Protein backbone atom coordinates (compact mmCIF):
# COMPACT_ATOMS: atom_id res chain seq x y z
CA UNK A 1 106.68 36.98 94.07
CA UNK A 2 108.32 34.61 96.56
CA UNK A 3 107.62 34.82 100.26
CA UNK A 4 109.48 33.51 103.26
CA UNK A 5 107.18 35.16 105.81
CA UNK A 6 104.14 37.45 105.70
CA UNK A 7 106.20 40.62 105.30
CA UNK A 8 109.27 39.03 103.69
CA UNK A 9 108.34 38.61 100.05
CA UNK A 10 110.51 39.49 97.04
CA UNK A 11 109.95 39.99 93.32
CA UNK A 12 111.62 37.81 90.70
CA UNK A 13 111.75 38.26 86.94
CA UNK A 14 110.77 35.19 84.95
CA UNK A 15 112.30 35.03 81.46
CA UNK A 16 111.13 32.46 78.87
CA UNK A 17 112.94 31.94 75.58
CA UNK A 18 111.78 29.72 72.70
CA UNK A 19 114.35 28.68 70.09
CA UNK A 20 115.05 26.03 67.46
CA UNK A 21 117.88 23.88 68.72
CA UNK A 22 120.76 22.69 66.51
CA UNK A 23 123.90 20.72 67.27
CA UNK A 24 125.99 23.86 66.89
CA UNK A 25 124.16 25.73 69.68
CA UNK A 26 125.68 24.81 72.99
CA UNK A 27 123.62 27.10 75.24
CA UNK A 28 122.09 30.52 75.96
CA UNK A 29 123.27 33.70 77.71
CA UNK A 30 120.59 35.78 79.60
CA UNK A 31 121.74 39.17 80.89
CA UNK A 32 119.69 41.72 82.89
CA UNK A 33 120.68 45.33 83.52
CA UNK A 34 118.98 47.89 85.78
CA UNK A 35 119.75 51.57 86.21
CA UNK A 36 122.83 52.15 88.29
CA UNK A 37 123.61 48.46 88.57
CA UNK A 38 126.09 46.14 86.81
CA UNK A 39 124.85 43.59 84.30
CA UNK A 40 123.80 40.22 85.74
CA UNK A 41 124.37 37.41 83.21
CA UNK A 42 123.50 33.74 83.54
CA UNK A 43 124.64 30.90 81.21
CA UNK A 44 122.48 27.89 80.31
CA UNK A 45 124.32 24.97 78.62
CA UNK A 46 122.87 22.03 76.68
CA UNK A 47 124.48 18.59 77.04
CA UNK A 48 125.73 16.89 73.93
CA UNK A 49 123.18 14.11 74.25
CA UNK A 50 120.36 16.61 74.57
CA UNK A 51 121.62 18.52 71.55
CA UNK A 52 121.68 15.37 69.44
CA UNK A 53 118.30 14.17 70.66
CA UNK A 54 116.50 17.55 70.33
CA UNK A 55 118.25 18.87 67.25
CA UNK A 56 115.78 20.51 64.90
CA UNK A 57 113.10 20.90 67.57
CA UNK A 58 111.83 24.05 69.29
CA UNK A 59 112.73 24.19 72.94
CA UNK A 60 111.87 26.65 75.76
CA UNK A 61 114.33 27.94 78.28
CA UNK A 62 112.90 29.45 81.51
CA UNK A 63 114.80 31.52 84.08
CA UNK A 64 113.23 32.98 87.26
CA UNK A 65 116.36 33.56 89.26
CA UNK A 66 116.64 37.32 88.67
CA UNK A 67 115.71 39.42 91.73
CA UNK A 68 114.16 42.81 90.99
CA UNK A 69 112.72 45.65 93.07
CA UNK A 70 109.44 47.50 92.67
CA UNK A 71 109.48 50.37 90.17
CA UNK A 72 112.66 49.07 88.46
CA UNK A 73 113.14 49.08 84.71
CA UNK A 74 115.01 45.95 83.57
CA UNK A 75 116.78 45.57 80.22
CA UNK A 76 117.04 41.91 79.11
CA UNK A 77 119.46 40.55 76.47
CA UNK A 78 119.39 36.94 75.20
CA UNK A 79 121.92 35.45 72.80
CA UNK A 80 123.21 31.98 71.80
CA UNK A 81 126.41 30.34 72.84
CA UNK A 82 128.46 30.61 70.78
CA UNK A 83 127.04 33.75 69.25
CA UNK A 84 126.50 33.62 65.51
CA UNK A 85 126.56 36.84 63.49
CA UNK A 86 125.85 38.84 66.66
CA UNK A 87 122.21 37.73 66.56
CA UNK A 88 120.57 38.72 69.87
CA UNK A 89 117.14 39.37 71.35
CA UNK A 90 116.55 42.39 73.62
CA UNK A 91 113.58 43.59 75.64
CA UNK A 92 112.59 45.93 78.49
CA UNK A 93 110.44 45.17 81.48
CA UNK A 94 109.02 47.64 84.06
CA UNK A 95 108.49 46.23 87.52
CA UNK A 96 105.16 47.17 89.17
CA UNK A 97 104.94 50.10 91.56
CA UNK A 98 103.82 49.73 95.12
CA UNK A 99 100.18 50.38 94.32
CA UNK A 100 99.05 46.78 94.50
CA UNK A 101 97.51 45.76 97.78
CA UNK A 102 99.58 42.55 97.82
CA UNK A 103 102.82 44.45 97.38
CA UNK A 104 101.93 47.00 100.07
CA UNK A 105 101.24 44.24 102.57
CA UNK A 106 104.00 41.74 101.85
CA UNK A 107 107.01 43.33 100.07
CA UNK A 108 109.21 45.25 102.56
CA UNK A 109 110.06 47.94 100.03
CA UNK A 110 106.34 48.66 99.62
CA UNK A 111 105.24 48.48 103.24
CA UNK A 112 104.69 52.10 104.30
CA UNK A 113 102.11 51.71 107.03
CA UNK A 114 98.59 53.09 107.08
CA UNK A 115 97.85 56.50 108.59
CA UNK A 116 94.67 57.77 110.19
CA UNK A 117 94.20 61.04 112.03
CA UNK A 118 91.91 63.26 114.10
CA UNK A 119 92.05 67.07 114.02
CA UNK A 120 91.71 69.25 117.11
CA UNK A 121 91.27 72.81 115.74
CA UNK A 122 91.17 74.35 119.24
CA UNK A 123 94.64 73.14 120.20
CA UNK A 124 95.84 72.92 116.56
CA UNK A 125 96.98 69.34 116.93
CA UNK A 126 96.81 66.23 114.76
CA UNK A 127 96.45 62.89 116.55
CA UNK A 128 97.97 60.33 114.16
CA UNK A 129 97.63 56.54 114.39
CA UNK A 130 99.75 54.03 112.42
CA UNK A 131 98.80 50.49 111.40
CA UNK A 132 100.24 47.80 109.06
CA UNK A 133 103.73 49.18 109.52
CA UNK A 134 106.87 47.14 108.92
CA UNK A 135 107.36 44.74 111.78
CA UNK A 136 110.39 44.94 113.99
CA UNK A 137 111.20 48.45 112.77
CA UNK A 138 110.77 51.91 114.29
CA UNK A 139 108.53 54.33 112.47
CA UNK A 140 108.93 58.03 111.63
CA UNK A 141 106.10 60.60 111.56
CA UNK A 142 106.37 64.27 110.61
CA UNK A 143 104.48 67.23 109.14
CA UNK A 144 105.69 68.71 105.88
CA UNK A 145 104.70 71.13 103.12
CA UNK A 146 104.19 69.26 99.89
CA UNK A 147 105.68 70.57 96.66
CA UNK A 148 108.27 68.90 94.43
CA UNK A 149 109.47 67.43 97.70
CA UNK A 150 107.82 67.50 101.11
CA UNK A 151 109.71 70.02 103.24
CA UNK A 152 109.50 69.42 106.97
CA UNK A 153 107.86 71.95 109.26
CA UNK A 154 109.75 70.83 112.37
CA UNK A 155 107.05 68.62 113.88
CA UNK A 156 108.56 65.09 114.04
CA UNK A 157 107.98 61.97 116.14
CA UNK A 158 109.66 58.53 116.23
CA UNK A 159 107.39 55.63 117.19
CA UNK A 160 109.31 52.83 118.83
CA UNK A 161 108.68 49.32 117.49
CA UNK A 162 108.13 48.10 121.07
CA UNK A 163 105.16 50.43 121.64
CA UNK A 164 101.90 48.56 121.63
CA UNK A 165 99.85 51.56 120.46
CA UNK A 166 101.42 53.26 117.50
CA UNK A 167 100.22 56.83 117.98
CA UNK A 168 101.67 60.35 118.05
CA UNK A 169 100.49 63.97 118.36
CA UNK A 170 101.81 66.53 115.86
CA UNK A 171 101.15 70.27 116.39
CA UNK A 172 100.51 72.56 113.42
CA UNK A 173 100.28 76.32 112.99
CA UNK A 174 97.98 76.78 109.99
CA UNK A 175 95.61 74.36 108.22
CA UNK A 176 97.19 74.77 104.78
CA UNK A 177 96.10 72.60 101.83
CA UNK A 178 99.71 71.46 101.26
CA UNK A 179 100.30 70.52 104.91
CA UNK A 180 100.71 66.73 104.96
CA UNK A 181 101.45 63.93 107.42
CA UNK A 182 104.37 61.81 106.19
CA UNK A 183 105.31 58.38 107.57
CA UNK A 184 108.00 55.79 106.77
CA UNK A 185 109.81 52.87 108.34
CA UNK A 186 113.24 53.44 109.84
CA UNK A 187 115.13 51.53 107.13
CA UNK A 188 117.32 52.62 104.26
CA UNK A 189 115.42 54.00 101.24
CA UNK A 190 112.06 53.16 102.79
CA UNK A 191 108.94 54.06 100.88
CA UNK A 192 106.91 56.89 102.39
CA UNK A 193 103.21 57.51 102.71
CA UNK A 194 101.60 60.96 102.79
CA UNK A 195 98.13 62.15 103.69
CA UNK A 196 97.00 65.81 103.60
CA UNK A 197 94.19 66.59 106.08
CA UNK A 198 93.46 70.12 104.78
CA UNK A 199 93.85 69.66 101.04
CA UNK A 200 90.51 71.39 100.31
CA UNK A 201 91.15 74.43 102.54
CA UNK A 202 92.20 76.74 99.71
CA UNK A 203 90.87 79.81 101.50
CA UNK A 204 93.90 79.60 103.81
CA UNK A 205 96.19 80.56 100.93
CA UNK A 206 94.83 84.06 100.32
CA UNK A 207 96.70 85.79 103.12
CA UNK A 208 100.14 87.30 103.45
CA UNK A 209 99.44 90.21 101.08
CA UNK A 210 102.22 92.81 101.41
CA UNK A 211 102.30 96.49 100.44
CA UNK A 212 105.38 98.70 100.24
CA UNK A 213 104.21 102.33 100.64
CA UNK A 214 107.53 103.73 99.38
CA UNK A 215 107.36 102.27 95.87
CA UNK A 216 103.59 101.57 96.05
CA UNK A 217 104.00 97.85 95.25
CA UNK A 218 101.38 95.26 96.18
CA UNK A 219 102.71 91.66 96.31
CA UNK A 220 101.61 88.15 97.26
CA UNK A 221 103.39 84.79 97.29
CA UNK A 222 101.56 81.45 97.58
CA UNK A 223 102.57 79.32 100.54
CA UNK A 224 101.43 76.21 98.67
CA UNK A 225 101.51 75.46 94.95
CA UNK A 226 98.19 76.49 93.45
CA UNK A 227 96.86 77.25 89.99
CA UNK A 228 94.90 80.48 90.21
CA UNK A 229 94.30 83.89 88.65
CA UNK A 230 94.82 87.04 90.73
CA UNK A 231 92.94 90.20 89.71
CA UNK A 232 92.88 93.69 91.21
CA UNK A 233 89.30 94.88 91.60
CA UNK A 234 87.21 97.63 93.19
CA UNK A 235 84.60 96.59 95.73
CA UNK A 236 81.27 98.32 95.30
CA UNK A 237 78.57 98.95 97.87
CA UNK A 238 76.69 95.81 96.81
CA UNK A 239 79.79 93.67 97.67
CA UNK A 240 80.53 93.01 93.96
CA UNK A 241 84.22 93.46 93.08
CA UNK A 242 84.68 94.93 89.59
CA UNK A 243 87.93 94.00 87.83
CA UNK A 244 90.36 96.82 87.06
CA UNK A 245 91.77 97.04 83.51
CA UNK A 246 95.12 95.27 82.98
CA UNK A 247 95.13 94.06 86.60
CA UNK A 248 95.24 90.26 86.08
CA UNK A 249 98.09 87.77 86.66
CA UNK A 250 98.30 83.96 86.65
CA UNK A 251 100.01 82.29 89.58
CA UNK A 252 101.37 78.83 90.38
CA UNK A 253 104.37 79.04 92.69
CA UNK A 254 106.03 82.36 91.95
CA UNK A 255 105.55 85.65 93.76
CA UNK A 256 103.37 88.18 91.94
CA UNK A 257 103.68 91.97 92.07
CA UNK A 258 101.47 94.92 91.12
CA UNK A 259 103.36 98.22 90.91
CA UNK A 260 102.05 101.78 91.37
CA UNK A 261 98.99 100.81 93.39
CA UNK A 262 96.87 103.37 95.26
CA UNK A 263 96.13 101.95 98.76
CA UNK A 264 92.42 102.78 98.81
CA UNK A 265 90.01 100.84 101.08
CA UNK A 266 87.87 99.88 98.07
CA UNK A 267 90.80 98.33 96.16
CA UNK A 268 90.95 94.53 96.62
CA UNK A 269 92.56 91.35 95.26
CA UNK A 270 90.38 88.59 93.81
CA UNK A 271 91.71 85.02 93.70
CA UNK A 272 90.00 82.63 91.28
CA UNK A 273 90.62 78.89 90.95
CA UNK A 274 88.88 76.41 88.69
CA UNK A 275 85.79 76.18 90.89
CA UNK A 276 85.64 79.20 93.22
CA UNK A 277 86.66 82.82 93.88
CA UNK A 278 87.77 84.65 97.01
CA UNK A 279 88.20 88.40 97.58
CA UNK A 280 90.63 89.99 100.03
CA UNK A 281 90.84 93.75 100.73
CA UNK A 282 94.23 94.56 102.32
CA UNK A 283 93.47 98.29 102.73
CA UNK A 284 89.98 97.94 104.24
CA UNK A 285 91.04 99.32 107.63
CA UNK A 286 91.94 102.66 106.01
CA UNK A 287 95.30 102.98 107.79
CA UNK A 288 97.20 103.46 104.53
CA UNK A 289 94.54 105.52 102.74
CA UNK A 290 96.26 108.34 100.85
CA UNK A 291 93.25 110.49 99.99
CA UNK A 292 89.54 110.83 100.58
CA UNK A 293 86.48 112.88 99.62
CA UNK A 294 85.20 114.74 102.70
CA UNK A 295 81.61 116.00 102.87
CA UNK A 296 80.42 118.56 105.41
CA UNK A 297 77.63 121.09 105.89
CA UNK A 298 78.18 124.82 106.34
CA UNK A 299 75.25 127.21 106.82
CA UNK A 300 72.86 124.63 105.43
CA UNK A 301 74.94 124.04 102.32
CA UNK A 302 76.79 120.87 101.27
CA UNK A 303 80.57 121.30 101.07
CA UNK A 304 82.72 118.67 99.30
CA UNK A 305 86.52 118.72 99.62
CA UNK A 306 89.39 116.60 98.35
CA UNK A 307 91.83 115.79 101.20
CA UNK A 308 95.15 114.15 100.20
CA UNK A 309 98.03 112.93 102.36
CA UNK A 310 100.36 112.76 99.35
CA UNK A 311 101.06 114.97 96.37
CA UNK A 312 98.87 113.53 93.63
CA UNK A 313 96.88 114.29 90.49
CA UNK A 314 93.19 113.48 90.26
CA UNK A 315 90.50 113.27 87.63
CA UNK A 316 87.14 114.73 88.67
CA UNK A 317 84.13 113.91 86.53
CA UNK A 318 80.62 115.31 86.90
CA UNK A 319 77.94 112.82 85.93
CA UNK A 320 74.16 112.62 86.09
CA UNK A 321 72.05 109.57 86.91
CA UNK A 322 68.90 109.52 84.80
CA UNK A 323 65.81 108.49 86.72
CA UNK A 324 65.39 104.72 86.72
CA UNK A 325 69.00 103.97 85.69
CA UNK A 326 72.00 102.92 87.80
CA UNK A 327 74.68 104.12 85.39
CA UNK A 328 76.03 107.64 85.65
CA UNK A 329 76.43 109.62 82.42
CA UNK A 330 79.51 111.86 82.50
CA UNK A 331 78.83 115.43 81.46
CA UNK A 332 82.10 117.14 82.37
CA UNK A 333 85.65 116.13 83.36
CA UNK A 334 88.61 118.11 84.63
CA UNK A 335 92.00 117.41 86.24
CA UNK A 336 93.19 118.83 89.56
CA UNK A 337 96.53 118.71 91.41
CA UNK A 338 96.59 118.43 95.20
CA UNK A 339 99.67 119.02 97.31
CA UNK A 340 100.62 116.87 100.29
CA UNK A 341 98.41 117.34 103.39
CA UNK A 342 96.19 119.80 101.55
CA UNK A 343 92.43 120.04 101.10
CA UNK A 344 90.90 121.40 97.88
CA UNK A 345 87.21 122.23 97.59
CA UNK A 346 85.09 120.76 94.80
CA UNK A 347 82.48 123.06 93.32
CA UNK A 348 79.05 121.50 93.78
CA UNK A 349 77.01 124.69 94.07
CA UNK A 350 74.17 124.88 91.61
CA UNK A 351 74.65 121.33 90.33
CA UNK A 352 71.46 119.65 89.08
CA UNK A 353 69.62 117.01 91.07
CA UNK A 354 70.81 113.39 90.71
CA UNK A 355 74.35 114.58 89.91
CA UNK A 356 77.47 112.81 91.20
CA UNK A 357 81.21 113.39 91.37
CA UNK A 358 83.59 110.62 90.27
CA UNK A 359 87.14 111.07 91.59
CA UNK A 360 90.12 108.92 90.55
CA UNK A 361 93.85 109.22 91.15
CA UNK A 362 95.83 109.53 87.91
CA UNK A 363 99.50 109.32 88.96
CA UNK A 364 99.30 105.54 89.66
CA UNK A 365 98.54 102.47 87.49
CA UNK A 366 95.82 100.96 89.66
CA UNK A 367 93.34 103.15 91.51
CA UNK A 368 89.76 103.01 92.73
CA UNK A 369 87.14 105.47 91.46
CA UNK A 370 85.26 107.13 94.32
CA UNK A 371 81.71 108.29 93.55
CA UNK A 372 79.93 110.89 95.67
CA UNK A 373 76.34 111.68 94.75
CA UNK A 374 74.63 114.87 95.83
CA UNK A 375 71.34 114.41 97.62
CA UNK A 376 68.19 113.94 95.55
CA UNK A 377 67.05 117.40 96.47
CA UNK A 378 70.20 119.32 97.22
CA UNK A 379 70.11 121.17 100.58
CA UNK A 380 71.73 124.18 98.88
CA UNK A 381 68.99 124.45 96.29
CA UNK A 382 66.22 123.95 98.84
CA UNK A 383 67.56 126.57 101.27
CA UNK A 384 68.02 129.18 98.55
CA UNK A 385 64.57 128.48 97.22
CA UNK A 386 63.03 128.76 100.71
CA UNK A 387 64.99 131.97 101.26
CA UNK A 388 63.63 133.44 98.06
CA UNK A 389 60.08 132.41 99.01
CA UNK A 390 60.41 133.98 102.46
CA UNK A 391 61.78 137.20 100.95
CA UNK A 392 58.79 137.43 98.61
CA UNK A 393 56.36 136.83 101.50
CA UNK A 394 57.99 139.51 103.69
CA UNK A 395 58.12 141.97 100.79
CA UNK A 396 54.47 141.34 99.91
CA UNK A 397 53.39 141.72 103.55
CA UNK A 398 55.33 145.01 103.83
CA UNK A 399 53.79 146.42 100.67
CA UNK A 400 50.31 145.33 101.74
CA UNK A 401 50.75 146.90 105.18
CA UNK A 402 51.91 150.14 103.57
CA UNK A 403 48.90 150.18 101.29
CA UNK A 404 46.54 149.58 104.22
CA UNK A 405 48.15 152.34 106.33
CA UNK A 406 48.14 154.76 103.40
CA UNK A 407 44.48 153.98 102.63
CA UNK A 408 43.48 154.43 106.28
CA UNK A 409 45.26 157.77 106.53
CA UNK A 410 43.67 158.96 103.31
CA UNK A 411 40.26 157.92 104.56
CA UNK A 412 40.70 159.87 107.83
CA UNK A 413 41.87 163.00 106.00
CA UNK A 414 38.96 162.78 103.57
CA UNK A 415 36.46 162.40 106.41
CA UNK A 416 37.82 165.44 108.27
CA UNK A 417 37.81 167.45 105.09
CA UNK A 418 34.18 166.57 104.37
CA UNK A 419 33.08 167.55 107.91
CA UNK A 420 34.84 170.89 107.73
CA UNK A 421 33.29 171.63 104.37
CA UNK A 422 29.86 170.76 105.71
CA UNK A 423 30.26 173.13 108.66
CA UNK A 424 31.31 176.02 106.43
CA UNK A 425 28.51 175.72 103.89
CA UNK A 426 25.76 174.37 106.18
CA UNK A 427 25.41 177.31 108.77
CA UNK A 428 26.78 180.70 109.98
CA UNK A 429 29.35 180.65 112.61
CA UNK A 430 28.26 182.89 115.50
CA UNK A 431 30.42 185.47 116.98
CA UNK A 432 31.37 184.72 120.52
CA UNK A 433 31.23 187.25 123.26
CA UNK A 434 34.00 187.41 125.61
CA UNK A 435 31.74 188.18 128.47
CA UNK A 436 32.94 186.37 131.51
CA UNK A 437 29.38 185.44 132.35
CA UNK A 438 27.94 182.22 131.21
CA UNK A 439 26.09 182.14 128.00
CA UNK A 440 24.36 179.68 125.67
CA UNK A 441 24.20 179.51 121.94
CA UNK A 442 21.26 178.02 120.04
CA UNK A 443 21.74 177.04 116.39
CA UNK A 444 18.67 177.35 114.22
CA UNK A 445 18.46 174.73 111.57
CA UNK A 446 18.21 175.78 108.00
CA UNK A 447 14.75 175.30 106.44
CA UNK A 448 14.40 173.28 103.25
CA UNK A 449 14.72 175.50 100.24
CA UNK A 450 11.58 175.80 98.12
CA UNK A 451 11.40 174.47 94.68
CA UNK A 452 10.30 176.81 91.98
CA UNK A 453 9.40 175.48 88.65
CA UNK A 454 11.63 172.45 89.06
CA UNK A 455 14.67 174.49 90.03
CA UNK A 456 16.31 174.49 93.36
CA UNK A 457 16.43 178.07 94.67
CA UNK A 458 18.31 178.45 97.90
CA UNK A 459 16.97 180.89 100.48
CA UNK A 460 19.07 183.42 102.16
CA UNK A 461 20.59 182.08 105.26
CA UNK A 462 18.64 182.95 108.34
CA UNK A 463 20.49 182.99 111.52
CA UNK A 464 19.46 183.93 115.05
CA UNK A 465 21.45 184.14 118.17
CA UNK A 466 19.86 183.94 121.56
CA UNK A 467 22.05 185.15 124.26
CA UNK A 468 21.16 184.93 127.89
CA UNK A 469 23.01 186.65 130.57
């Protein structure tokens, strides 16, 4: 490297050749060729006196007059003059890239400037400062999206060489991992430097998910190149997203598509890179939901209906959750067809406790399975059981009341009957006079009958009537 000033250094290729000199060799030819350039040949001649004096000795020939640029590949060819039997020596040399600190400071082709920045997320601005730039030259700054090339976003500033403070403000719209600050001197074929402030913000990539409701296609295209796996999954109540079968695609730069997708709020996309995963649910707001399981209560009974906004076919499975287990064991499955804007009732009457309904749409490739579990003690079963218990209580009370009333009536009749019988057999009924005058009647009590020889012998009834006028 030869330098005239601090930032005016150039690279030179030094070529050394060792050979055994003879009187017949008059000199050497050294040619260098670089890509896209014509060959540059230099001739080195030996004087006759030198040839005679050094004949038979090994001599070295050195040439450092060949200018090269960083990153160049140089083909070198050395041959004698005159050339005998086309004997030549060839070699290839690769010039260093601009990664050396010396080259980046002193060789104009390698001086890119140094960039530093501050981020203002509130105003979405990048405050960029430039140092160690090429002297006496203007400097370009811009924002770009890095891929095979860095495509500009429109934010561009030119820093004048006369400005004492080399600084510029570049606005940005989104903090994408491929959004970079690019700077270069205002000279032909200047080297450029790039720095990406948000290179670790991968979470910014998982947006822009599109859904076409006509052909039911879910698509996503990466804004920045990324190596990831995209999987369709169903988000459960515990926030775990379970992968759907055959719903995985690898992505780098191309747009991915999932066809025949049911836009259910529980259906999500999971993005997985080498170190982390992110889940996005494009249908979570329910605006595109095509169907739902509706639960209501009528007369104390649970009513479950299938309400669909489109004509679709569904699978309905009845399953039971054993006590202590989280999995649901399917006991019965049937298929049902629902017309557009219709509601179809699902029969849950008389289902056992801990039973659930699992509903899934069948006329698409990717669909979520909705599970509705009946209450632990079904309101329908409880109400019918209470109704039966109340009926038995009322019936028992009615029967008991009837028995009590019947027994009371029978007791009254029996008492009256016994009194009448006693009056007939216990005394003689007197004959009443119809005399208008007052009168009184005296009943003589019956004496105890005598006992003769252990037998009860009744006496003849003795009656007396005393009548007073």
